[in-house]
Amino acid sequence: MGDLMHALPAITEAKDQIPNIIFDWVVDKNFSSVPSWHPAINKTIETNHRQWKVNPFSAQSRDEIKRVIKTINGEDYDLIIDMQNNLKSAFISLLCKKSVIGMDAKSSREFPAHLAYKKKASISKKLHAIERQKNLLSFALNYESDLSKHDYGIEKTNFLKSKIDLPSNYAICVQNASWPTKQWPIKYWKELITKLPQDLSLIFPSGNQMELQRAEEICNVSSKAIALDLLPLNEIAYLVDQASFAICSDTGLAHLSAITETPSLTLYGPTKTSLIGTYGINQNHLVANNSDMEDISVSEVLTELKELNLI
């Protein structure tokens, strides 16, 4: 999900440079809401990469892959660009009838994704992911990218107003992360809840049942902490947008706080903020010593929140 959000500023810049341009976006169905937030997106073509990875040779997977490729090849696109440049996206790129533009061997995120591309850009891996995507799209469309500004360009009309009776003052707490090494310990979350202001409610969204169980364990320490049932991404986006602020692990929903410009403090361990950190207005990072999330203390988080005037 973070990769998709990193691509939004590139889409915005391309639309500014070429006003009549429109995009179709090939996207995993779990995150198909993200393209719908940008007005330059004409339609989405949904994949099911997670299921394909589990059962790559099943009849259902084969049929779905054929459907996606038939849809792409059935359109007369001027350009096809692989914005992710990993093995999953390169697999689809390789099957496209029209040649695909991507990054070269030294630039692609995963080797040997570059073999799927006819035209290849050389883009430094030292740049932030947003800058890399802007450079790739400007290379493909032949204009000069301005790396000094990044506009996500979204419209919030597709956000889904929550049916939850929201408190007047609440923070979104994103405790989950795809890697265990990115997760702040449960005991720290519990301690933080007990030390935050009593008039502040805490809402914990989740993306799957395992994350929900972890959120429920965290929230059992206080009635002001609420573990939400699983919700569609458009509704979570609304909740993040309406929140007073967010405290996040290094995961996709942290980037959602960036595109909604919700004041946020994101906790980082093994990943580099210079490469994939949340980027934009009101975005703040707290980085663990020695890449160990346990080295971020509750007192450090509280101090940072106070210095940012969030509590």
C-alpha atoms as a PDB file:
ATOM      1  CA  MET A   1       0.000   0.000   0.000  1.00  0.00           C
ATOM      2  CA  GLY A   2       2.833   2.394   0.751  1.00  0.00           C
ATOM      3  CA  ASP A   3       4.221   1.876  -2.765  1.00  0.00           C
ATOM      4  CA  LEU A   4       0.931   3.036  -4.264  1.00  0.00           C
ATOM      5  CA  MET A   5       0.868   6.150  -2.122  1.00  0.00           C
ATOM      6  CA  HIS A   6       4.467   6.912  -3.077  1.00  0.00           C
ATOM      7  CA  ALA A   7       3.350   6.966  -6.718  1.00  0.00           C
ATOM      8  CA  LEU A   8       0.657   9.625  -6.220  1.00  0.00           C
ATOM      9  CA  PRO A   9       2.977  12.680  -6.419  1.00  0.00           C
ATOM     10  CA  ALA A  10       4.356  11.345  -9.703  1.00  0.00           C
ATOM     11  CA  ILE A  11       0.818  11.106 -11.076  1.00  0.00           C
ATOM     12  CA  THR A  12       0.082  14.673  -9.925  1.00  0.00           C
ATOM     13  CA  GLU A  13       3.228  16.035 -11.550  1.00  0.00           C
ATOM     14  CA  ALA A  14       2.520  14.225 -14.818  1.00  0.00           C
ATOM     15  CA  LYS A  15      -0.987  15.689 -14.883  1.00  0.00           C
ATOM     16  CA  ASP A  16       0.448  19.174 -14.329  1.00  0.00           C
ATOM     17  CA  GLN A  17       2.917  18.686 -17.160  1.00  0.00           C
ATOM     18  CA  ILE A  18       0.482  17.005 -19.577  1.00  0.00           C
ATOM     19  CA  PRO A  19      -3.036  18.237 -18.686  1.00  0.00           C
ATOM     20  CA  ASN A  20      -4.911  15.846 -21.004  1.00  0.00           C
ATOM     21  CA  ILE A  21      -3.150  12.706 -19.766  1.00  0.00           C
ATOM     22  CA  ILE A  22      -5.167   9.916 -18.148  1.00  0.00           C
ATOM     23  CA  PHE A  23      -3.991   6.785 -16.385  1.00  0.00           C
ATOM     24  CA  ASP A  24      -5.265   3.269 -15.862  1.00  0.00           C
ATOM     25  CA  TRP A  25      -3.687   1.592 -12.834  1.00  0.00           C
ATOM     26  CA  VAL A  26      -2.984  -2.108 -12.352  1.00  0.00           C
ATOM     27  CA  VAL A  27      -3.366  -2.659  -8.612  1.00  0.00           C
ATOM     28  CA  ASP A  28      -3.823  -5.447  -6.073  1.00  0.00           C
ATOM     29  CA  LYS A  29      -7.528  -5.611  -5.232  1.00  0.00           C
ATOM     30  CA  ASN A  30      -6.787  -5.213  -1.512  1.00  0.00           C
ATOM     31  CA  PHE A  31      -5.565  -1.669  -2.166  1.00  0.00           C
ATOM     32  CA  SER A  32      -7.691  -0.645  -5.146  1.00  0.00           C
ATOM     33  CA  SER A  33      -9.147   2.275  -3.163  1.00  0.00           C
ATOM     34  CA  VAL A  34      -5.867   4.198  -3.396  1.00  0.00           C
ATOM     35  CA  PRO A  35      -5.987   4.974  -7.154  1.00  0.00           C
ATOM     36  CA  SER A  36      -9.631   6.080  -6.798  1.00  0.00           C
ATOM     37  CA  TRP A  37      -8.488   9.022  -4.673  1.00  0.00           C
ATOM     38  CA  HIS A  38      -6.605  10.645  -7.558  1.00  0.00           C
ATOM     39  CA  PRO A  39      -8.625  12.481 -10.252  1.00  0.00           C
ATOM     40  CA  ALA A  40      -6.150  11.580 -13.030  1.00  0.00           C
ATOM     41  CA  ILE A  41      -6.970   7.867 -12.724  1.00  0.00           C
ATOM     42  CA  ASN A  42      -9.434   6.658 -15.349  1.00  0.00           C
ATOM     43  CA  LYS A  43      -9.900   3.080 -14.133  1.00  0.00           C
ATOM     44  CA  THR A  44      -8.208   0.343 -12.133  1.00  0.00           C
ATOM     45  CA  ILE A  45      -7.353  -3.164 -13.293  1.00  0.00           C
ATOM     46  CA  GLU A  46      -7.374  -5.379 -10.227  1.00  0.00           C
ATOM     47  CA  THR A  47      -4.915  -8.194  -9.577  1.00  0.00           C
ATOM     48  CA  ASN A  48      -4.828 -10.699  -6.732  1.00  0.00           C
ATOM     49  CA  HIS A  49      -1.090 -11.080  -6.162  1.00  0.00           C
ATOM     50  CA  ARG A  50      -1.404 -12.360  -2.599  1.00  0.00           C
ATOM     51  CA  GLN A  51      -3.533 -15.307  -3.645  1.00  0.00           C
ATOM     52  CA  TRP A  52      -1.468 -15.924  -6.770  1.00  0.00           C
ATOM     53  CA  LYS A  53       1.635 -16.195  -4.607  1.00  0.00           C
ATOM     54  CA  VAL A  54      -0.016 -18.828  -2.391  1.00  0.00           C
ATOM     55  CA  ASN A  55      -1.499 -20.882  -5.258  1.00  0.00           C
ATOM     56  CA  PRO A  56       0.363 -19.853  -8.420  1.00  0.00           C
ATOM     57  CA  PHE A  57      -0.649 -22.928 -10.428  1.00  0.00           C
ATOM     58  CA  SER A  58      -4.290 -23.190  -9.392  1.00  0.00           C
ATOM     59  CA  ALA A  59      -6.965 -22.902 -12.086  1.00  0.00           C
ATOM     60  CA  GLN A  60      -8.360 -19.796 -10.398  1.00  0.00           C
ATOM     61  CA  SER A  61      -4.976 -18.055 -10.350  1.00  0.00           C
ATOM     62  CA  ARG A  62      -4.303 -18.912 -13.983  1.00  0.00           C
ATOM     63  CA  ASP A  63      -7.740 -17.644 -15.033  1.00  0.00           C
ATOM     64  CA  GLU A  64      -7.307 -14.406 -13.092  1.00  0.00           C
ATOM     65  CA  ILE A  65      -3.868 -13.757 -14.582  1.00  0.00           C
ATOM     66  CA  LYS A  66      -5.228 -14.372 -18.083  1.00  0.00           C
ATOM     67  CA  ARG A  67      -8.069 -11.922 -17.392  1.00  0.00           C
ATOM     68  CA  VAL A  68      -5.677  -9.188 -16.248  1.00  0.00           C
ATOM     69  CA  ILE A  69      -3.361  -9.624 -19.225  1.00  0.00           C
ATOM     70  CA  LYS A  70      -6.299  -9.733 -21.649  1.00  0.00           C
ATOM     71  CA  THR A  71      -7.628  -6.481 -20.181  1.00  0.00           C
ATOM     72  CA  ILE A  72      -4.248  -4.751 -20.489  1.00  0.00           C
ATOM     73  CA  ASN A  73      -3.564  -6.059 -23.995  1.00  0.00           C
ATOM     74  CA  GLY A  74      -7.097  -5.178 -25.085  1.00  0.00           C
ATOM     75  CA  GLU A  75      -6.355  -1.464 -24.704  1.00  0.00           C
ATOM     76  CA  ASP A  76      -4.241   0.598 -27.086  1.00  0.00           C
ATOM     77  CA  TYR A  77      -2.094   2.301 -24.436  1.00  0.00           C
ATOM     78  CA  ASP A  78       0.473   4.875 -25.512  1.00  0.00           C
ATOM     79  CA  LEU A  79       2.776   3.742 -22.711  1.00  0.00           C
ATOM     80  CA  ILE A  80       2.912   1.038 -20.062  1.00  0.00           C
ATOM     81  CA  ILE A  81       5.136   1.853 -17.079  1.00  0.00           C
ATOM     82  CA  ASP A  82       6.041  -0.460 -14.206  1.00  0.00           C
ATOM     83  CA  MET A  83       6.188   1.890 -11.223  1.00  0.00           C
ATOM     84  CA  GLN A  84       7.050  -0.798  -8.672  1.00  0.00           C
ATOM     85  CA  ASN A  85       9.926  -2.563 -10.400  1.00  0.00           C
ATOM     86  CA  ASN A  86       9.760  -5.680  -8.262  1.00  0.00           C
ATOM     87  CA  LEU A  87       9.303  -9.306  -9.263  1.00  0.00           C
ATOM     88  CA  LYS A  88       5.510  -9.292  -8.854  1.00  0.00           C
ATOM     89  CA  SER A  89       4.999  -6.310 -11.115  1.00  0.00           C
ATOM     90  CA  ALA A  90       7.691  -7.501 -13.553  1.00  0.00           C
ATOM     91  CA  PHE A  91       5.765 -10.770 -13.996  1.00  0.00           C
ATOM     92  CA  ILE A  92       2.758  -8.838 -15.297  1.00  0.00           C
ATOM     93  CA  SER A  93       5.020  -6.556 -17.348  1.00  0.00           C
ATOM     94  CA  LEU A  94       6.629  -9.538 -19.046  1.00  0.00           C
ATOM     95  CA  LEU A  95       3.243 -10.791 -20.247  1.00  0.00           C
ATOM     96  CA  CYS A  96       2.140  -7.458 -21.748  1.00  0.00           C
ATOM     97  CA  LYS A  97       1.912  -7.302 -25.540  1.00  0.00           C
ATOM     98  CA  LYS A  98       3.270  -3.748 -25.623  1.00  0.00           C
ATOM     99  CA  SER A  99       6.792  -3.182 -24.322  1.00  0.00           C
ATOM    100  CA  VAL A 100       7.020  -1.825 -20.787  1.00  0.00           C
ATOM    101  CA  ILE A 101       9.163   0.986 -19.357  1.00  0.00           C
ATOM    102  CA  GLY A 102      10.901   0.362 -16.038  1.00  0.00           C
ATOM    103  CA  MET A 103      14.204   0.704 -14.211  1.00  0.00           C
ATOM    104  CA  ASP A 104      17.530  -0.836 -15.164  1.00  0.00           C
ATOM    105  CA  ALA A 105      19.450  -3.570 -13.339  1.00  0.00           C
ATOM    106  CA  LYS A 106      21.122  -1.183 -10.877  1.00  0.00           C
ATOM    107  CA  SER A 107      17.903   0.708 -10.170  1.00  0.00           C
ATOM    108  CA  SER A 108      15.151  -1.921  -9.885  1.00  0.00           C
ATOM    109  CA  ARG A 109      14.032  -2.868  -6.407  1.00  0.00           C
ATOM    110  CA  GLU A 110      14.356  -6.597  -7.044  1.00  0.00           C
ATOM    111  CA  PHE A 111      16.712  -8.444  -9.381  1.00  0.00           C
ATOM    112  CA  PRO A 112      16.074  -9.472 -12.174  1.00  0.00           C
ATOM    113  CA  ALA A 113      12.892  -7.409 -12.622  1.00  0.00           C
ATOM    114  CA  HIS A 114      14.705  -5.240 -15.187  1.00  0.00           C
ATOM    115  CA  LEU A 115      14.612  -8.065 -17.723  1.00  0.00           C
ATOM    116  CA  ALA A 116      10.894  -7.409 -18.214  1.00  0.00           C
ATOM    117  CA  TYR A 117      11.443  -3.876 -19.530  1.00  0.00           C
ATOM    118  CA  LYS A 118      12.227  -2.704 -23.059  1.00  0.00           C
ATOM    119  CA  LYS A 119      13.132   0.871 -22.127  1.00  0.00           C
ATOM    120  CA  LYS A 120      15.006   1.342 -18.847  1.00  0.00           C
ATOM    121  CA  ALA A 121      15.727   4.308 -16.615  1.00  0.00           C
ATOM    122  CA  SER A 122      18.764   4.663 -14.388  1.00  0.00           C
ATOM    123  CA  ILE A 123      17.576   6.068 -11.048  1.00  0.00           C
ATOM    124  CA  SER A 124      19.597   6.232  -7.849  1.00  0.00           C
ATOM    125  CA  LYS A 125      18.556   3.927  -5.021  1.00  0.00           C
ATOM    126  CA  LYS A 126      19.685   6.647  -2.600  1.00  0.00           C
ATOM    127  CA  LEU A 127      16.612   8.733  -3.435  1.00  0.00           C
ATOM    128  CA  HIS A 128      13.373   8.566  -1.488  1.00  0.00           C
ATOM    129  CA  ALA A 129      10.772   6.252  -3.060  1.00  0.00           C
ATOM    130  CA  ILE A 130       8.606   9.253  -4.020  1.00  0.00           C
ATOM    131  CA  GLU A 131      11.524  10.854  -5.847  1.00  0.00           C
ATOM    132  CA  ARG A 132      12.363   7.595  -7.610  1.00  0.00           C
ATOM    133  CA  GLN A 133       8.806   7.235  -8.878  1.00  0.00           C
ATOM    134  CA  LYS A 134       8.696  10.865 -10.026  1.00  0.00           C
ATOM    135  CA  ASN A 135      11.969  10.371 -11.888  1.00  0.00           C
ATOM    136  CA  LEU A 136      10.705   7.210 -13.562  1.00  0.00           C
ATOM    137  CA  LEU A 137       7.462   8.767 -14.752  1.00  0.00           C
ATOM    138  CA  SER A 138       9.185  11.926 -16.000  1.00  0.00           C
ATOM    139  CA  PHE A 139      11.707   9.726 -17.871  1.00  0.00           C
ATOM    140  CA  ALA A 140       8.876   7.804 -19.517  1.00  0.00           C
ATOM    141  CA  LEU A 141       6.904  10.930 -20.445  1.00  0.00           C
ATOM    142  CA  ASN A 142       9.908  13.105 -21.329  1.00  0.00           C
ATOM    143  CA  TYR A 143       9.735  16.061 -18.954  1.00  0.00           C
ATOM    144  CA  GLU A 144      11.955  17.336 -16.141  1.00  0.00           C
ATOM    145  CA  SER A 145      10.777  16.352 -12.665  1.00  0.00           C
ATOM    146  CA  ASP A 146      10.787  18.903  -9.848  1.00  0.00           C
ATOM    147  CA  LEU A 147      12.012  17.016  -6.782  1.00  0.00           C
ATOM    148  CA  SER A 148      11.652  20.057  -4.530  1.00  0.00           C
ATOM    149  CA  LYS A 149       7.897  19.603  -4.097  1.00  0.00           C
ATOM    150  CA  HIS A 150       5.559  16.644  -3.762  1.00  0.00           C
ATOM    151  CA  ASP A 151       1.797  16.972  -4.129  1.00  0.00           C
ATOM    152  CA  TYR A 152      -0.225  13.809  -3.541  1.00  0.00           C
ATOM    153  CA  GLY A 153      -3.080  15.438  -5.475  1.00  0.00           C
ATOM    154  CA  ILE A 154      -5.858  13.365  -3.946  1.00  0.00           C
ATOM    155  CA  GLU A 155      -9.527  14.207  -3.618  1.00  0.00           C
ATOM    156  CA  LYS A 156     -11.301  12.936  -0.506  1.00  0.00           C
ATOM    157  CA  THR A 157     -14.710  12.460  -2.124  1.00  0.00           C
ATOM    158  CA  ASN A 158     -14.280   8.669  -2.186  1.00  0.00           C
ATOM    159  CA  PHE A 159     -13.470   8.478   1.515  1.00  0.00           C
ATOM    160  CA  LEU A 160     -16.304   6.649   3.264  1.00  0.00           C
ATOM    161  CA  LYS A 161     -17.822   8.515   6.211  1.00  0.00           C
ATOM    162  CA  SER A 162     -17.667   6.238   9.195  1.00  0.00           C
ATOM    163  CA  LYS A 163     -20.818   4.997  10.906  1.00  0.00           C
ATOM    164  CA  ILE A 164     -18.894   4.886  14.161  1.00  0.00           C
ATOM    165  CA  ASP A 165     -19.928   7.432  16.778  1.00  0.00           C
ATOM    166  CA  LEU A 166     -16.572   9.192  16.822  1.00  0.00           C
ATOM    167  CA  PRO A 167     -15.299  10.988  19.923  1.00  0.00           C
ATOM    168  CA  SER A 168     -14.506  14.686  19.531  1.00  0.00           C
ATOM    169  CA  ASN A 169     -10.822  14.161  20.305  1.00  0.00           C
ATOM    170  CA  TYR A 170      -9.147  10.975  19.158  1.00  0.00           C
ATOM    171  CA  ALA A 171      -5.832   9.722  17.849  1.00  0.00           C
ATOM    172  CA  ILE A 172      -5.339   6.947  15.323  1.00  0.00           C
ATOM    173  CA  CYS A 173      -2.867   4.340  16.559  1.00  0.00           C
ATOM    174  CA  VAL A 174      -1.358   2.115  13.871  1.00  0.00           C
ATOM    175  CA  GLN A 175       0.273  -0.703  15.831  1.00  0.00           C
ATOM    176  CA  ASN A 176       0.591  -3.281  13.057  1.00  0.00           C
ATOM    177  CA  ALA A 177       3.414  -3.733  10.557  1.00  0.00           C
ATOM    178  CA  SER A 178       4.293  -6.377   7.981  1.00  0.00           C
ATOM    179  CA  TRP A 179       7.593  -7.249   9.672  1.00  0.00           C
ATOM    180  CA  PRO A 180       7.714  -8.154  13.382  1.00  0.00           C
ATOM    181  CA  THR A 181      10.899  -6.075  13.601  1.00  0.00           C
ATOM    182  CA  LYS A 182       8.864  -2.976  12.680  1.00  0.00           C
ATOM    183  CA  GLN A 183       6.368  -3.476  15.500  1.00  0.00           C
ATOM    184  CA  TRP A 184       6.600  -1.499  18.717  1.00  0.00           C
ATOM    185  CA  PRO A 185       6.155  -3.944  21.634  1.00  0.00           C
ATOM    186  CA  ILE A 186       2.644  -4.534  22.965  1.00  0.00           C
ATOM    187  CA  LYS A 187       3.733  -3.690  26.515  1.00  0.00           C
ATOM    188  CA  TYR A 188       4.915  -0.256  25.319  1.00  0.00           C
ATOM    189  CA  TRP A 189       1.602   0.464  23.604  1.00  0.00           C
ATOM    190  CA  LYS A 190      -0.231  -0.464  26.797  1.00  0.00           C
ATOM    191  CA  GLU A 191       1.951   1.786  28.902  1.00  0.00           C
ATOM    192  CA  LEU A 192       1.532   4.647  26.436  1.00  0.00           C
ATOM    193  CA  ILE A 193      -2.262   4.359  26.604  1.00  0.00           C
ATOM    194  CA  THR A 194      -2.228   4.735  30.383  1.00  0.00           C
ATOM    195  CA  LYS A 195      -0.029   7.864  30.202  1.00  0.00           C
ATOM    196  CA  LEU A 196      -1.794   9.797  27.453  1.00  0.00           C
ATOM    197  CA  PRO A 197      -4.349  12.510  28.431  1.00  0.00           C
ATOM    198  CA  GLN A 198      -7.593  11.093  29.776  1.00  0.00           C
ATOM    199  CA  ASP A 199      -9.731  13.176  27.404  1.00  0.00           C
ATOM    200  CA  LEU A 200      -8.040  11.599  24.386  1.00  0.00           C
ATOM    201  CA  SER A 201      -9.599   8.503  22.840  1.00  0.00           C
ATOM    202  CA  LEU A 202      -7.399   6.052  20.920  1.00  0.00           C
ATOM    203  CA  ILE A 203      -8.600   4.191  17.849  1.00  0.00           C
ATOM    204  CA  PHE A 204      -6.705   1.151  16.560  1.00  0.00           C
ATOM    205  CA  PRO A 205      -7.542   0.030  12.982  1.00  0.00           C
ATOM    206  CA  SER A 206      -6.420  -3.344  11.611  1.00  0.00           C
ATOM    207  CA  GLY A 207      -5.986  -4.939   8.210  1.00  0.00           C
ATOM    208  CA  ASN A 208      -6.552  -8.596   9.081  1.00  0.00           C
ATOM    209  CA  GLN A 209      -7.605 -10.891  11.917  1.00  0.00           C
ATOM    210  CA  MET A 210      -4.086 -11.327  13.301  1.00  0.00           C
ATOM    211  CA  GLU A 211      -3.617  -7.566  13.535  1.00  0.00           C
ATOM    212  CA  LEU A 212      -7.062  -7.220  15.126  1.00  0.00           C
ATOM    213  CA  GLN A 213      -6.173  -9.754  17.825  1.00  0.00           C
ATOM    214  CA  ARG A 214      -3.007  -7.803  18.614  1.00  0.00           C
ATOM    215  CA  ALA A 215      -4.979  -4.548  18.748  1.00  0.00           C
ATOM    216  CA  GLU A 216      -7.546  -6.103  21.091  1.00  0.00           C
ATOM    217  CA  GLU A 217      -4.774  -7.253  23.424  1.00  0.00           C
ATOM    218  CA  ILE A 218      -3.335  -3.733  23.492  1.00  0.00           C
ATOM    219  CA  CYS A 219      -6.707  -2.090  24.075  1.00  0.00           C
ATOM    220  CA  ASN A 220      -7.741  -4.283  27.015  1.00  0.00           C
ATOM    221  CA  VAL A 221      -5.773  -1.968  29.295  1.00  0.00           C
ATOM    222  CA  SER A 222      -8.255   0.923  29.002  1.00  0.00           C
ATOM    223  CA  SER A 223     -11.815   1.697  27.950  1.00  0.00           C
ATOM    224  CA  LYS A 224     -10.614   4.789  26.055  1.00  0.00           C
ATOM    225  CA  ALA A 225      -8.705   2.533  23.629  1.00  0.00           C
ATOM    226  CA  ILE A 226     -10.838   0.966  20.891  1.00  0.00           C
ATOM    227  CA  ALA A 227      -9.814  -1.887  18.575  1.00  0.00           C
ATOM    228  CA  LEU A 228     -11.920  -1.407  15.450  1.00  0.00           C
ATOM    229  CA  ASP A 229     -13.406  -4.305  13.555  1.00  0.00           C
ATOM    230  CA  LEU A 230     -12.019  -4.779  10.048  1.00  0.00           C
ATOM    231  CA  LEU A 231     -13.092  -1.882   7.845  1.00  0.00           C
ATOM    232  CA  PRO A 232     -12.726  -0.978   4.144  1.00  0.00           C
ATOM    233  CA  LEU A 233      -9.744   1.212   3.346  1.00  0.00           C
ATOM    234  CA  ASN A 234     -11.950   4.133   2.298  1.00  0.00           C
ATOM    235  CA  GLU A 235     -13.481   4.212   5.778  1.00  0.00           C
ATOM    236  CA  ILE A 236     -10.098   3.976   7.496  1.00  0.00           C
ATOM    237  CA  ALA A 237      -8.963   6.873   5.307  1.00  0.00           C
ATOM    238  CA  TYR A 238     -11.886   8.930   6.623  1.00  0.00           C
ATOM    239  CA  LEU A 239     -10.979   8.070  10.223  1.00  0.00           C
ATOM    240  CA  VAL A 240      -7.334   9.030   9.687  1.00  0.00           C
ATOM    241  CA  ASP A 241      -8.356  12.270   8.007  1.00  0.00           C
ATOM    242  CA  GLN A 242     -10.627  13.244  10.914  1.00  0.00           C
ATOM    243  CA  ALA A 243      -8.176  12.286  13.690  1.00  0.00           C
ATOM    244  CA  SER A 244      -6.464  14.875  15.878  1.00  0.00           C
ATOM    245  CA  PHE A 245      -3.182  13.088  15.163  1.00  0.00           C
ATOM    246  CA  ALA A 246      -1.721   9.645  14.537  1.00  0.00           C
ATOM    247  CA  ILE A 247       0.924   7.456  16.139  1.00  0.00           C
ATOM    248  CA  CYS A 248       2.129   4.903  13.612  1.00  0.00           C
ATOM    249  CA  SER A 249       4.320   1.928  13.027  1.00  0.00           C
ATOM    250  CA  ASP A 250       6.264   1.810   9.767  1.00  0.00           C
ATOM    251  CA  THR A 251       3.462   0.524   7.540  1.00  0.00           C
ATOM    252  CA  GLY A 252       1.059   1.558   4.798  1.00  0.00           C
ATOM    253  CA  LEU A 253      -1.397   3.405   7.020  1.00  0.00           C
ATOM    254  CA  ALA A 254       1.410   5.690   8.175  1.00  0.00           C
ATOM    255  CA  HIS A 255       1.675   6.910   4.573  1.00  0.00           C
ATOM    256  CA  LEU A 256      -2.083   7.396   4.578  1.00  0.00           C
ATOM    257  CA  SER A 257      -1.611   9.959   7.352  1.00  0.00           C
ATOM    258  CA  ALA A 258       0.868  11.723   5.067  1.00  0.00           C
ATOM    259  CA  ILE A 259      -1.521  12.061   2.138  1.00  0.00           C
ATOM    260  CA  THR A 260      -4.340  13.299   4.413  1.00  0.00           C
ATOM    261  CA  GLU A 261      -1.850  15.690   6.117  1.00  0.00           C
ATOM    262  CA  THR A 262      -2.858  14.354   9.535  1.00  0.00           C
ATOM    263  CA  PRO A 263      -0.176  15.292  12.111  1.00  0.00           C
ATOM    264  CA  SER A 264       1.704  12.067  12.766  1.00  0.00           C
ATOM    265  CA  LEU A 265       4.567  10.533  14.662  1.00  0.00           C
ATOM    266  CA  THR A 266       5.850   7.359  12.992  1.00  0.00           C
ATOM    267  CA  LEU A 267       8.197   4.965  14.785  1.00  0.00           C
ATOM    268  CA  TYR A 268      11.026   3.454  12.744  1.00  0.00           C
ATOM    269  CA  GLY A 269      13.376   0.560  13.415  1.00  0.00           C
ATOM    270  CA  PRO A 270      15.145  -1.405  10.641  1.00  0.00           C
ATOM    271  CA  THR A 271      14.134   0.787   7.681  1.00  0.00           C
ATOM    272  CA  LYS A 272      15.641   4.075   6.511  1.00  0.00           C
ATOM    273  CA  THR A 273      13.405   7.126   6.689  1.00  0.00           C
ATOM    274  CA  SER A 274      15.495   8.778   3.954  1.00  0.00           C
ATOM    275  CA  LEU A 275      14.319   6.073   1.551  1.00  0.00           C
ATOM    276  CA  ILE A 276      10.755   5.218   2.551  1.00  0.00           C
ATOM    277  CA  GLY A 277       9.826   7.448   5.491  1.00  0.00           C
ATOM    278  CA  THR A 278       6.449   9.187   5.556  1.00  0.00           C
ATOM    279  CA  TYR A 279       6.779  12.315   3.473  1.00  0.00           C
ATOM    280  CA  GLY A 280       4.860  15.565   3.582  1.00  0.00           C
ATOM    281  CA  ILE A 281       3.161  18.099   5.812  1.00  0.00           C
ATOM    282  CA  ASN A 282       2.981  17.313   9.542  1.00  0.00           C
ATOM    283  CA  GLN A 283       5.083  14.149   9.231  1.00  0.00           C
ATOM    284  CA  ASN A 284       7.506  13.370  12.048  1.00  0.00           C
ATOM    285  CA  HIS A 285       9.820  10.391  12.623  1.00  0.00           C
ATOM    286  CA  LEU A 286      11.212   8.784  15.762  1.00  0.00           C
ATOM    287  CA  VAL A 287      14.033   6.396  14.859  1.00  0.00           C
ATOM    288  CA  ALA A 288      15.166   3.538  17.112  1.00  0.00           C
ATOM    289  CA  ASN A 289      18.763   3.130  18.178  1.00  0.00           C
ATOM    290  CA  ASN A 290      20.479   0.175  16.502  1.00  0.00           C
ATOM    291  CA  SER A 291      17.324  -0.450  14.432  1.00  0.00           C
ATOM    292  CA  ASP A 292      15.681  -2.050  17.484  1.00  0.00           C
ATOM    293  CA  MET A 293      12.093  -0.951  18.139  1.00  0.00           C
ATOM    294  CA  GLU A 294      12.435  -1.896  21.805  1.00  0.00           C
ATOM    295  CA  ASP A 295      14.942   0.935  22.115  1.00  0.00           C
ATOM    296  CA  ILE A 296      12.153   3.486  21.576  1.00  0.00           C
ATOM    297  CA  SER A 297      10.867   4.101  25.091  1.00  0.00           C
ATOM    298  CA  VAL A 298       7.393   5.257  26.053  1.00  0.00           C
ATOM    299  CA  SER A 299       8.887   8.352  27.639  1.00  0.00           C
ATOM    300  CA  GLU A 300      10.579   9.243  24.322  1.00  0.00           C
ATOM    301  CA  VAL A 301       7.258   8.985  22.485  1.00  0.00           C
ATOM    302  CA  LEU A 302       5.500  11.119  25.095  1.00  0.00           C
ATOM    303  CA  THR A 303       8.254  13.726  24.979  1.00  0.00           C
ATOM    304  CA  GLU A 304       8.089  13.884  21.192  1.00  0.00           C
ATOM    305  CA  LEU A 305       4.290  14.217  21.211  1.00  0.00           C
ATOM    306  CA  LYS A 306       4.538  17.092  23.694  1.00  0.00           C
ATOM    307  CA  GLU A 307       7.249  18.871  21.698  1.00  0.00           C
ATOM    308  CA  LEU A 308       5.041  18.586  18.604  1.00  0.00           C
ATOM    309  CA  ASN A 309       2.107  20.056  20.598  1.00  0.00           C
ATOM    310  CA  LEU A 310       0.018  16.986  19.872  1.00  0.00           C
ATOM    311  CA  ILE A 311      -0.740  16.390  23.563  1.00  0.00           C
END
